[in-house]
Structure formats: C-alpha cells, structure tokens
Amino acid sequence: MRYLLLALLLVGCGYKPMSHYTASLLGPRVYTKVKVYLRDPQNAVLIKDAVNKALYERLGSTWADRKSATSQLLVRVQRITFTPLEYDRYGYIIYYRARSWLEFDFIKDGKKRTITTEGFYDFPIEPNSVITDALRFIAIKHSAAKAIDRFISRLAYMGER
C-alpha cells in the first residue's frame, strides 16, 4: 500500500528518473573513445569498459561506430593518484584513496561540451606491503566508475534544462 502511494505521488508530481533526461540528450547510439593516458596506458581499456557499461546499464544506450552514432563521448584521463589515508600504530600505511580525474568531450549536433569529473575509491592494504597491480586496477576501475557516474548526473542536469 505504501509503495502504491509513493508511486502515485511521484507520477503525480511529474517525476522523471535521471536516465530519462540523460538518454534523451545522448540518444540511443553513442560512440565512445578513450584517449590513452601515457603514464598509465593499460588503464585506458578499463575506463573504456566502464564508460560503455555505464551507458548500457544506466541509460540503455548502446555503443555505435562513429558514422551511425547519435552522439560522441571522447574521454581523457587527466590524472590518477594514490594517497595514504590511514597508518597503523607502527607507521605503516593501511588505507589508501585512489582518485581519477576524467575529462569528457560530449559532442552532439556539432556542439561540443567539455566536462571534467573526479571519482575516488578507498581501499585497505596489508601493513608493510605495497599496492599490487591487481589492487591498483580495482581501485582505478572503481574510482573511474564514480567519475563516470558524476558525468552522467551532470548530463542529466543538462538534459533537464
């Protein structure tokens, strides 16, 4: 009963989900290109997969080639950092924060908009150890996914206007 009342309230006030505004702005077919970050080239694949996954799961848009796409997203990794957050009683780092700064060029109908976002991911490591490649990839993947989520929310804001 409560859910029915909540649904009626949301429908009655004209609520539309964020994906409605973003999908109308992007269109059904999106071309994505991730420029390789020269300091960390292997992460370009992770970020491109995260962008395509976000477009498909959150918006229902699909990947397309450049000629048949209704819009284009060009993504550049500006910077990736790892910052210690917490130390144990012996002074060893036990918690890190990975930050990813992504720059998106959104192109549709000949108009280009540039949006820069940041995402972060906090993760623990064993005392007196280093960040392994596996942990590093996971941290970059999650921080980039958060940056992509922020980009999508900014697109929703643009789509509403």
N, C-alpha and C. Protein backbone atom coordinates (compact mmCIF):
# COMPACT_ATOMS: atom_id res chain seq x y z
N MET A 1 0.82 -1.20 0.00
CA MET A 1 0.00 0.00 0.00
C MET A 1 0.86 1.26 0.00
N ARG A 2 1.92 1.24 0.85
CA ARG A 2 2.80 2.42 0.91
C ARG A 2 3.49 2.66 -0.41
N TYR A 3 3.90 1.57 -1.06
CA TYR A 3 4.60 1.71 -2.34
C TYR A 3 3.69 2.26 -3.42
N LEU A 4 2.44 1.87 -3.37
CA LEU A 4 1.47 2.38 -4.34
C LEU A 4 1.27 3.88 -4.14
N LEU A 5 1.16 4.29 -2.89
CA LEU A 5 1.01 5.72 -2.61
C LEU A 5 2.25 6.51 -3.04
N LEU A 6 3.42 5.95 -2.79
CA LEU A 6 4.66 6.61 -3.21
C LEU A 6 4.72 6.72 -4.73
N ALA A 7 4.36 5.66 -5.43
CA ALA A 7 4.36 5.68 -6.89
C ALA A 7 3.38 6.72 -7.42
N LEU A 8 2.19 6.77 -6.85
CA LEU A 8 1.21 7.76 -7.29
C LEU A 8 1.69 9.19 -7.02
N LEU A 9 2.33 9.38 -5.90
CA LEU A 9 2.86 10.71 -5.58
C LEU A 9 3.94 11.12 -6.57
N LEU A 10 4.86 10.20 -6.89
CA LEU A 10 5.93 10.52 -7.82
C LEU A 10 5.41 10.77 -9.23
N VAL A 11 4.47 9.96 -9.67
CA VAL A 11 3.89 10.14 -11.01
C VAL A 11 3.07 11.42 -11.06
N GLY A 12 2.36 11.70 -10.01
CA GLY A 12 1.51 12.88 -9.95
C GLY A 12 2.29 14.18 -9.95
N CYS A 13 3.50 14.18 -9.43
CA CYS A 13 4.27 15.43 -9.37
C CYS A 13 5.17 15.59 -10.59
N GLY A 14 5.12 14.67 -11.54
CA GLY A 14 5.90 14.81 -12.76
C GLY A 14 7.32 14.31 -12.64
N TYR A 15 7.59 13.45 -11.69
CA TYR A 15 8.94 12.92 -11.50
C TYR A 15 9.36 12.09 -12.70
N LYS A 16 10.57 12.33 -13.16
CA LYS A 16 11.18 11.51 -14.20
C LYS A 16 12.57 11.13 -13.72
N PRO A 17 12.97 9.89 -13.92
CA PRO A 17 14.30 9.48 -13.45
C PRO A 17 15.41 10.17 -14.23
N MET A 18 16.59 10.22 -13.62
CA MET A 18 17.75 10.86 -14.23
C MET A 18 18.05 10.26 -15.60
N SER A 19 17.87 8.98 -15.74
CA SER A 19 18.19 8.32 -17.01
C SER A 19 17.32 8.85 -18.15
N HIS A 20 16.12 9.31 -17.85
CA HIS A 20 15.24 9.87 -18.88
C HIS A 20 15.88 11.10 -19.53
N TYR A 21 16.39 11.99 -18.69
CA TYR A 21 16.99 13.22 -19.21
C TYR A 21 18.31 12.94 -19.93
N THR A 22 19.11 12.07 -19.36
CA THR A 22 20.41 11.77 -19.96
C THR A 22 20.25 11.01 -21.26
N ALA A 23 19.36 10.04 -21.28
CA ALA A 23 19.15 9.26 -22.50
C ALA A 23 18.60 10.13 -23.63
N SER A 24 17.77 11.10 -23.29
CA SER A 24 17.25 11.98 -24.34
C SER A 24 18.35 12.89 -24.89
N LEU A 25 19.32 13.22 -24.07
CA LEU A 25 20.43 14.05 -24.51
C LEU A 25 21.43 13.26 -25.34
N LEU A 26 21.76 12.04 -24.90
CA LEU A 26 22.74 11.22 -25.61
C LEU A 26 22.19 10.57 -26.87
N GLY A 27 20.97 10.11 -26.79
CA GLY A 27 20.41 9.35 -27.90
C GLY A 27 20.65 7.87 -27.72
N PRO A 28 20.10 7.04 -28.61
CA PRO A 28 20.18 5.59 -28.43
C PRO A 28 21.54 4.98 -28.77
N ARG A 29 22.32 5.63 -29.64
CA ARG A 29 23.61 5.06 -30.06
C ARG A 29 24.72 6.07 -29.78
N VAL A 30 25.73 5.63 -29.03
CA VAL A 30 26.80 6.53 -28.60
C VAL A 30 28.15 5.95 -29.04
N TYR A 31 28.96 6.80 -29.64
CA TYR A 31 30.34 6.44 -29.98
C TYR A 31 31.23 6.88 -28.83
N THR A 32 32.05 5.97 -28.31
CA THR A 32 32.96 6.33 -27.22
C THR A 32 34.40 6.08 -27.64
N LYS A 33 35.26 6.99 -27.21
CA LYS A 33 36.69 6.83 -27.47
C LYS A 33 37.42 7.31 -26.22
N VAL A 34 38.33 6.48 -25.73
CA VAL A 34 39.13 6.83 -24.57
C VAL A 34 40.55 7.07 -25.04
N LYS A 35 41.04 8.27 -24.80
CA LYS A 35 42.42 8.57 -25.17
C LYS A 35 43.35 7.97 -24.13
N VAL A 36 44.43 7.40 -24.60
CA VAL A 36 45.37 6.69 -23.73
C VAL A 36 46.13 7.68 -22.87
N TYR A 37 46.19 7.39 -21.59
CA TYR A 37 46.95 8.16 -20.62
C TYR A 37 48.38 7.64 -20.68
N LEU A 38 49.32 8.44 -21.17
CA LEU A 38 50.66 7.96 -21.45
C LEU A 38 51.39 7.44 -20.22
N ARG A 39 51.07 7.96 -19.04
CA ARG A 39 51.73 7.46 -17.83
C ARG A 39 51.18 6.10 -17.42
N ASP A 40 50.00 5.76 -17.89
CA ASP A 40 49.34 4.54 -17.45
C ASP A 40 48.47 3.99 -18.58
N PRO A 41 49.07 3.51 -19.68
CA PRO A 41 48.27 3.15 -20.86
C PRO A 41 47.34 1.96 -20.67
N GLN A 42 47.68 1.03 -19.78
CA GLN A 42 46.84 -0.16 -19.62
C GLN A 42 45.48 0.15 -19.02
N ASN A 43 45.33 1.32 -18.38
CA ASN A 43 44.05 1.65 -17.76
C ASN A 43 43.03 2.21 -18.75
N ALA A 44 43.45 2.55 -19.95
CA ALA A 44 42.51 3.05 -20.95
C ALA A 44 41.43 2.01 -21.25
N VAL A 45 41.81 0.75 -21.28
CA VAL A 45 40.84 -0.32 -21.55
C VAL A 45 39.84 -0.42 -20.41
N LEU A 46 40.33 -0.34 -19.16
CA LEU A 46 39.43 -0.39 -18.00
C LEU A 46 38.41 0.73 -18.05
N ILE A 47 38.87 1.93 -18.37
CA ILE A 47 37.99 3.09 -18.37
C ILE A 47 37.00 3.02 -19.52
N LYS A 48 37.44 2.57 -20.70
CA LYS A 48 36.51 2.44 -21.82
C LYS A 48 35.42 1.42 -21.50
N ASP A 49 35.79 0.30 -20.89
CA ASP A 49 34.80 -0.70 -20.49
C ASP A 49 33.83 -0.12 -19.47
N ALA A 50 34.34 0.66 -18.53
CA ALA A 50 33.47 1.27 -17.51
C ALA A 50 32.51 2.27 -18.13
N VAL A 51 32.97 3.06 -19.11
CA VAL A 51 32.10 4.01 -19.80
C VAL A 51 31.00 3.27 -20.55
N ASN A 52 31.36 2.26 -21.33
CA ASN A 52 30.37 1.51 -22.10
C ASN A 52 29.38 0.79 -21.19
N LYS A 53 29.87 0.24 -20.08
CA LYS A 53 28.99 -0.45 -19.14
C LYS A 53 27.99 0.54 -18.52
N ALA A 54 28.47 1.71 -18.15
CA ALA A 54 27.59 2.73 -17.55
C ALA A 54 26.54 3.19 -18.55
N LEU A 55 26.93 3.39 -19.80
CA LEU A 55 25.96 3.82 -20.81
C LEU A 55 24.88 2.77 -21.01
N TYR A 56 25.28 1.52 -21.04
CA TYR A 56 24.32 0.45 -21.28
C TYR A 56 23.43 0.21 -20.06
N GLU A 57 24.04 0.09 -18.88
CA GLU A 57 23.27 -0.26 -17.68
C GLU A 57 22.40 0.87 -17.17
N ARG A 58 22.93 2.07 -17.15
CA ARG A 58 22.20 3.18 -16.54
C ARG A 58 21.28 3.90 -17.51
N LEU A 59 21.64 3.90 -18.78
CA LEU A 59 20.89 4.72 -19.73
C LEU A 59 20.21 3.94 -20.84
N GLY A 60 20.60 2.70 -21.03
CA GLY A 60 20.02 1.92 -22.11
C GLY A 60 20.60 2.27 -23.48
N SER A 61 21.64 3.10 -23.52
CA SER A 61 22.29 3.44 -24.79
C SER A 61 23.25 2.32 -25.16
N THR A 62 23.49 2.17 -26.43
CA THR A 62 24.42 1.16 -26.90
C THR A 62 25.56 1.81 -27.64
N TRP A 63 26.65 1.07 -27.74
CA TRP A 63 27.83 1.54 -28.45
C TRP A 63 27.55 1.51 -29.94
N ALA A 64 28.10 2.47 -30.66
CA ALA A 64 27.94 2.52 -32.11
C ALA A 64 29.23 3.02 -32.73
N ASP A 65 29.39 2.77 -34.04
CA ASP A 65 30.56 3.34 -34.70
C ASP A 65 30.32 4.83 -34.92
N ARG A 66 31.37 5.54 -35.28
CA ARG A 66 31.32 6.99 -35.35
C ARG A 66 30.28 7.49 -36.36
N LYS A 67 30.12 6.80 -37.47
CA LYS A 67 29.20 7.27 -38.52
C LYS A 67 27.73 7.13 -38.15
N SER A 68 27.39 6.06 -37.44
CA SER A 68 25.97 5.84 -37.14
C SER A 68 25.56 6.33 -35.75
N ALA A 69 26.49 6.91 -35.00
CA ALA A 69 26.19 7.35 -33.64
C ALA A 69 25.37 8.63 -33.62
N THR A 70 24.50 8.74 -32.63
CA THR A 70 23.73 9.97 -32.44
C THR A 70 24.51 11.00 -31.62
N SER A 71 25.51 10.54 -30.86
CA SER A 71 26.37 11.44 -30.10
C SER A 71 27.72 10.75 -29.88
N GLN A 72 28.70 11.55 -29.46
CA GLN A 72 30.05 11.03 -29.24
C GLN A 72 30.55 11.44 -27.86
N LEU A 73 31.28 10.53 -27.23
CA LEU A 73 31.95 10.81 -25.96
C LEU A 73 33.44 10.52 -26.14
N LEU A 74 34.24 11.54 -25.97
CA LEU A 74 35.69 11.37 -26.00
C LEU A 74 36.18 11.56 -24.57
N VAL A 75 36.83 10.55 -24.03
CA VAL A 75 37.23 10.55 -22.63
C VAL A 75 38.75 10.58 -22.54
N ARG A 76 39.25 11.47 -21.69
CA ARG A 76 40.68 11.56 -21.42
C ARG A 76 40.91 11.42 -19.92
N VAL A 77 41.89 10.61 -19.59
CA VAL A 77 42.30 10.50 -18.20
C VAL A 77 43.27 11.65 -17.94
N GLN A 78 42.89 12.55 -17.06
CA GLN A 78 43.76 13.66 -16.76
C GLN A 78 44.83 13.28 -15.74
N ARG A 79 44.40 12.57 -14.70
CA ARG A 79 45.34 12.25 -13.64
C ARG A 79 44.78 11.11 -12.80
N ILE A 80 45.68 10.29 -12.26
CA ILE A 80 45.33 9.23 -11.32
C ILE A 80 46.33 9.33 -10.17
N THR A 81 45.80 9.39 -8.94
CA THR A 81 46.69 9.49 -7.78
C THR A 81 46.29 8.47 -6.72
N PHE A 82 47.26 8.12 -5.90
CA PHE A 82 47.05 7.25 -4.74
C PHE A 82 47.58 7.99 -3.52
N THR A 83 46.71 8.21 -2.54
CA THR A 83 47.06 8.98 -1.36
C THR A 83 46.86 8.12 -0.12
N PRO A 84 47.85 8.07 0.79
CA PRO A 84 47.64 7.34 2.04
C PRO A 84 46.59 8.04 2.90
N LEU A 85 45.70 7.26 3.49
CA LEU A 85 44.65 7.81 4.35
C LEU A 85 44.85 7.47 5.83
N GLU A 86 45.35 6.26 6.07
CA GLU A 86 45.44 5.81 7.46
C GLU A 86 46.71 4.99 7.66
N TYR A 87 47.29 5.16 8.83
CA TYR A 87 48.50 4.44 9.20
C TYR A 87 48.21 3.58 10.43
N ASP A 88 48.95 2.48 10.57
CA ASP A 88 48.80 1.68 11.79
C ASP A 88 49.69 2.27 12.89
N ARG A 89 49.73 1.63 14.02
CA ARG A 89 50.47 2.20 15.16
C ARG A 89 51.98 2.18 14.95
N TYR A 90 52.46 1.42 13.95
CA TYR A 90 53.89 1.38 13.66
C TYR A 90 54.27 2.32 12.51
N GLY A 91 53.30 3.02 11.98
CA GLY A 91 53.58 3.99 10.92
C GLY A 91 53.46 3.44 9.50
N TYR A 92 52.97 2.21 9.35
CA TYR A 92 52.77 1.64 8.02
C TYR A 92 51.41 2.06 7.47
N ILE A 93 51.37 2.30 6.19
CA ILE A 93 50.10 2.69 5.54
C ILE A 93 49.20 1.47 5.47
N ILE A 94 47.95 1.64 5.91
CA ILE A 94 46.99 0.52 5.85
C ILE A 94 45.74 0.88 5.05
N TYR A 95 45.60 2.15 4.63
CA TYR A 95 44.44 2.56 3.85
C TYR A 95 44.86 3.61 2.83
N TYR A 96 44.42 3.42 1.60
CA TYR A 96 44.73 4.35 0.52
C TYR A 96 43.45 4.89 -0.11
N ARG A 97 43.58 6.02 -0.77
CA ARG A 97 42.50 6.56 -1.60
C ARG A 97 43.04 6.72 -3.02
N ALA A 98 42.33 6.09 -3.98
CA ALA A 98 42.65 6.27 -5.39
C ALA A 98 41.71 7.34 -5.94
N ARG A 99 42.27 8.29 -6.67
CA ARG A 99 41.47 9.34 -7.31
C ARG A 99 41.73 9.34 -8.79
N SER A 100 40.66 9.45 -9.56
CA SER A 100 40.75 9.53 -11.02
C SER A 100 40.05 10.80 -11.48
N TRP A 101 40.74 11.58 -12.27
CA TRP A 101 40.14 12.76 -12.90
C TRP A 101 39.96 12.45 -14.37
N LEU A 102 38.72 12.53 -14.84
CA LEU A 102 38.40 12.25 -16.24
C LEU A 102 37.83 13.49 -16.89
N GLU A 103 38.19 13.71 -18.14
CA GLU A 103 37.64 14.82 -18.91
C GLU A 103 36.84 14.24 -20.06
N PHE A 104 35.59 14.65 -20.16
CA PHE A 104 34.68 14.15 -21.19
C PHE A 104 34.39 15.26 -22.19
N ASP A 105 34.57 14.96 -23.46
CA ASP A 105 34.08 15.85 -24.52
C ASP A 105 32.82 15.21 -25.06
N PHE A 106 31.70 15.87 -24.86
CA PHE A 106 30.40 15.39 -25.32
C PHE A 106 30.06 16.16 -26.59
N ILE A 107 29.89 15.43 -27.69
CA ILE A 107 29.63 16.05 -28.98
C ILE A 107 28.30 15.54 -29.53
N LYS A 108 27.42 16.49 -29.83
CA LYS A 108 26.13 16.14 -30.44
C LYS A 108 25.69 17.30 -31.31
N ASP A 109 25.27 17.00 -32.52
CA ASP A 109 24.79 18.00 -33.47
C ASP A 109 25.82 19.11 -33.69
N GLY A 110 27.09 18.73 -33.72
CA GLY A 110 28.14 19.70 -33.97
C GLY A 110 28.52 20.56 -32.77
N LYS A 111 27.84 20.41 -31.66
CA LYS A 111 28.15 21.18 -30.45
C LYS A 111 29.00 20.32 -29.52
N LYS A 112 30.04 20.94 -28.96
CA LYS A 112 30.95 20.22 -28.07
C LYS A 112 30.91 20.85 -26.68
N ARG A 113 30.72 19.99 -25.68
CA ARG A 113 30.75 20.42 -24.29
C ARG A 113 31.81 19.60 -23.57
N THR A 114 32.62 20.27 -22.77
CA THR A 114 33.67 19.59 -22.01
C THR A 114 33.30 19.60 -20.53
N ILE A 115 33.33 18.41 -19.93
CA ILE A 115 33.00 18.25 -18.52
C ILE A 115 34.13 17.45 -17.86
N THR A 116 34.65 17.96 -16.76
CA THR A 116 35.69 17.27 -16.00
C THR A 116 35.10 16.79 -14.68
N THR A 117 35.33 15.53 -14.36
CA THR A 117 34.82 14.96 -13.11
C THR A 117 35.93 14.22 -12.38
N GLU A 118 35.67 13.98 -11.10
CA GLU A 118 36.61 13.26 -10.25
C GLU A 118 35.86 12.15 -9.53
N GLY A 119 36.52 11.02 -9.41
CA GLY A 119 35.97 9.92 -8.63
C GLY A 119 37.04 9.38 -7.71
N PHE A 120 36.62 8.80 -6.60
CA PHE A 120 37.60 8.24 -5.66
C PHE A 120 37.13 6.89 -5.15
N TYR A 121 38.10 6.13 -4.66
CA TYR A 121 37.83 4.81 -4.10
C TYR A 121 38.83 4.56 -2.98
N ASP A 122 38.34 4.23 -1.79
CA ASP A 122 39.19 3.96 -0.64
C ASP A 122 39.34 2.45 -0.47
N PHE A 123 40.56 1.99 -0.19
CA PHE A 123 40.78 0.56 -0.05
C PHE A 123 41.91 0.28 0.95
N PRO A 124 41.81 -0.87 1.64
CA PRO A 124 42.85 -1.23 2.61
C PRO A 124 43.97 -2.05 1.95
N ILE A 125 45.14 -2.00 2.56
CA ILE A 125 46.23 -2.91 2.17
C ILE A 125 46.83 -3.47 3.46
N GLU A 126 47.58 -4.54 3.32
CA GLU A 126 48.25 -5.14 4.47
C GLU A 126 49.38 -4.21 4.93
N PRO A 127 49.59 -4.10 6.23
CA PRO A 127 50.70 -3.28 6.71
C PRO A 127 52.04 -3.76 6.15
N ASN A 128 52.93 -2.83 5.88
CA ASN A 128 54.27 -3.11 5.38
C ASN A 128 54.24 -3.83 4.03
N SER A 129 53.28 -3.47 3.18
CA SER A 129 53.22 -4.05 1.84
C SER A 129 53.03 -2.93 0.83
N VAL A 130 53.06 -3.28 -0.43
CA VAL A 130 52.87 -2.30 -1.50
C VAL A 130 51.54 -2.58 -2.20
N ILE A 131 51.11 -1.60 -2.98
CA ILE A 131 49.87 -1.78 -3.75
C ILE A 131 50.19 -2.69 -4.94
N THR A 132 49.54 -3.83 -4.99
CA THR A 132 49.76 -4.75 -6.10
C THR A 132 49.06 -4.24 -7.35
N ASP A 133 49.43 -4.79 -8.49
CA ASP A 133 48.77 -4.39 -9.74
C ASP A 133 47.28 -4.70 -9.71
N ALA A 134 46.93 -5.84 -9.10
CA ALA A 134 45.51 -6.21 -9.04
C ALA A 134 44.72 -5.20 -8.22
N LEU A 135 45.24 -4.82 -7.05
CA LEU A 135 44.57 -3.81 -6.23
C LEU A 135 44.51 -2.47 -6.95
N ARG A 136 45.58 -2.13 -7.62
CA ARG A 136 45.66 -0.86 -8.34
C ARG A 136 44.59 -0.81 -9.44
N PHE A 137 44.45 -1.89 -10.21
CA PHE A 137 43.45 -1.92 -11.27
C PHE A 137 42.04 -1.83 -10.71
N ILE A 138 41.79 -2.54 -9.62
CA ILE A 138 40.46 -2.49 -9.00
C ILE A 138 40.16 -1.07 -8.52
N ALA A 139 41.14 -0.43 -7.88
CA ALA A 139 40.94 0.93 -7.37
C ALA A 139 40.70 1.91 -8.50
N ILE A 140 41.45 1.79 -9.58
CA ILE A 140 41.26 2.69 -10.72
C ILE A 140 39.91 2.45 -11.37
N LYS A 141 39.52 1.21 -11.49
CA LYS A 141 38.23 0.87 -12.09
C LYS A 141 37.08 1.49 -11.29
N HIS A 142 37.13 1.35 -9.97
CA HIS A 142 36.05 1.88 -9.12
C HIS A 142 36.06 3.40 -9.07
N SER A 143 37.23 4.00 -9.00
CA SER A 143 37.28 5.47 -8.96
C SER A 143 36.84 6.05 -10.30
N ALA A 144 37.21 5.40 -11.40
CA ALA A 144 36.75 5.87 -12.72
C ALA A 144 35.24 5.70 -12.86
N ALA A 145 34.69 4.62 -12.31
CA ALA A 145 33.24 4.41 -12.38
C ALA A 145 32.50 5.53 -11.63
N LYS A 146 33.05 5.97 -10.51
CA LYS A 146 32.42 7.07 -9.77
C LYS A 146 32.52 8.38 -10.55
N ALA A 147 33.64 8.59 -11.22
CA ALA A 147 33.78 9.79 -12.06
C ALA A 147 32.78 9.75 -13.22
N ILE A 148 32.56 8.57 -13.77
CA ILE A 148 31.58 8.41 -14.85
C ILE A 148 30.17 8.66 -14.33
N ASP A 149 29.87 8.19 -13.13
CA ASP A 149 28.56 8.46 -12.53
C ASP A 149 28.33 9.96 -12.36
N ARG A 150 29.36 10.67 -11.94
CA ARG A 150 29.24 12.13 -11.81
C ARG A 150 29.01 12.78 -13.16
N PHE A 151 29.67 12.27 -14.18
CA PHE A 151 29.46 12.80 -15.53
C PHE A 151 28.01 12.58 -15.98
N ILE A 152 27.49 11.40 -15.72
CA ILE A 152 26.11 11.09 -16.12
C ILE A 152 25.13 12.00 -15.38
N SER A 153 25.39 12.28 -14.10
CA SER A 153 24.48 13.16 -13.37
C SER A 153 24.56 14.60 -13.92
N ARG A 154 25.73 15.02 -14.34
CA ARG A 154 25.83 16.35 -14.97
C ARG A 154 25.11 16.39 -16.31
N LEU A 155 25.19 15.29 -17.06
CA LEU A 155 24.43 15.23 -18.31
C LEU A 155 22.93 15.29 -18.05
N ALA A 156 22.48 14.63 -16.98
CA ALA A 156 21.05 14.67 -16.64
C ALA A 156 20.63 16.09 -16.34
N TYR A 157 21.45 16.82 -15.65
CA TYR A 157 21.15 18.22 -15.35
C TYR A 157 21.07 19.03 -16.64
N MET A 158 22.00 18.79 -17.56
CA MET A 158 21.98 19.49 -18.85
C MET A 158 20.76 19.09 -19.66
N GLY A 159 20.38 17.81 -19.60
CA GLY A 159 19.24 17.32 -20.35
C GLY A 159 17.93 17.88 -19.85
N GLU A 160 17.86 18.15 -18.56
CA GLU A 160 16.63 18.72 -17.98
C GLU A 160 16.44 20.16 -18.44
N ARG A 161 17.54 20.88 -18.57
CA ARG A 161 17.47 22.27 -18.97
C ARG A 161 17.19 22.35 -20.43
